[in-house]
Amino acid sequence: MKLGIPIIGLCDSNNTTENLNIIVPCNNKGAKSLGLIFWILANEYLKARGELKEGEQLQLTADDFTSD
């Protein structure tokens, strides 16, 4: 079923990418790596929405996204 929504994948070098529209190359197996990726995405998303000013960052740190 096609909804017109871009499909984004966090891919390592051994992932299949045939049905993805956007590929983010990263280590998708480690908890710390994924936490850092989600922190970066959250930071940039809030900047794009205007909720964070340029140069400003989340009050949460990358460690908050990677801790157990």
Protein backbone atom coordinates (compact mmCIF):
# COMPACT_ATOMS: atom_id res chain seq x y z
CA MET A 1 0.00 0.00 0.00
CA LYS A 2 1.51 3.33 -1.05
CA LEU A 3 0.67 6.35 1.06
CA GLY A 4 3.17 8.81 -0.35
CA ILE A 5 5.19 8.84 2.88
CA PRO A 6 8.97 8.60 2.46
CA ILE A 7 10.43 5.50 4.08
CA ILE A 8 13.64 6.21 5.99
CA GLY A 9 16.03 3.49 7.10
CA LEU A 10 18.96 3.51 9.51
CA CYS A 11 21.25 1.15 7.62
CA ASP A 12 24.53 -0.58 8.24
CA SER A 13 26.69 -1.88 5.40
CA ASN A 14 24.93 -5.25 5.39
CA ASN A 15 21.28 -4.08 5.23
CA THR A 16 18.94 -4.40 2.25
CA THR A 17 17.84 -0.96 1.06
CA GLU A 18 15.62 -1.74 -1.91
CA ASN A 19 12.33 -0.35 -0.51
CA LEU A 20 13.77 2.73 1.20
CA ASN A 21 13.49 6.30 -0.07
CA ILE A 22 16.09 7.76 2.30
CA ILE A 23 19.04 5.87 3.78
CA VAL A 24 20.89 7.11 6.87
CA PRO A 25 24.21 5.26 7.05
CA CYS A 26 25.03 4.37 10.65
CA ASN A 27 25.76 1.57 13.08
CA ASN A 28 22.23 0.31 13.73
CA LYS A 29 23.18 -2.49 16.10
CA GLY A 30 24.58 -0.70 19.16
CA ALA A 31 22.34 0.94 21.75
CA LYS A 32 24.71 3.89 22.16
CA SER A 33 24.93 4.43 18.42
CA LEU A 34 21.15 4.37 18.00
CA GLY A 35 20.69 6.67 21.00
CA LEU A 36 23.10 9.17 19.46
CA ILE A 37 21.31 9.00 16.09
CA PHE A 38 17.92 9.61 17.75
CA TRP A 39 19.38 12.51 19.77
CA ILE A 40 20.72 14.11 16.57
CA LEU A 41 17.38 13.58 14.79
CA ALA A 42 15.41 15.05 17.72
CA ASN A 43 17.74 18.05 17.87
CA GLU A 44 17.47 18.78 14.14
CA TYR A 45 13.70 18.17 14.10
CA LEU A 46 13.16 20.75 16.85
CA LYS A 47 15.42 23.24 15.05
CA ALA A 48 13.46 22.76 11.82
CA ARG A 49 10.19 23.40 13.68
CA GLY A 50 11.63 26.57 15.20
CA GLU A 51 11.42 25.23 18.75
CA LEU A 52 15.21 25.46 19.12
CA LYS A 53 17.18 28.45 17.91
CA GLU A 54 20.26 28.01 15.74
CA GLY A 55 23.17 27.05 17.99
CA GLU A 56 20.81 25.95 20.78
CA GLN A 57 20.57 22.27 21.71
CA LEU A 58 18.19 20.00 23.56
CA GLN A 59 18.23 20.21 27.34
CA LEU A 60 18.61 16.44 27.29
CA THR A 61 22.07 15.17 26.47
CA ALA A 62 23.02 12.35 24.12
CA ASP A 63 23.68 10.26 27.26
CA ASP A 64 20.00 10.60 28.20
CA PHE A 65 19.14 8.83 24.93
CA THR A 66 21.64 6.03 25.50
CA SER A 67 21.27 5.20 29.19
CA ASP A 68 19.42 2.11 30.36
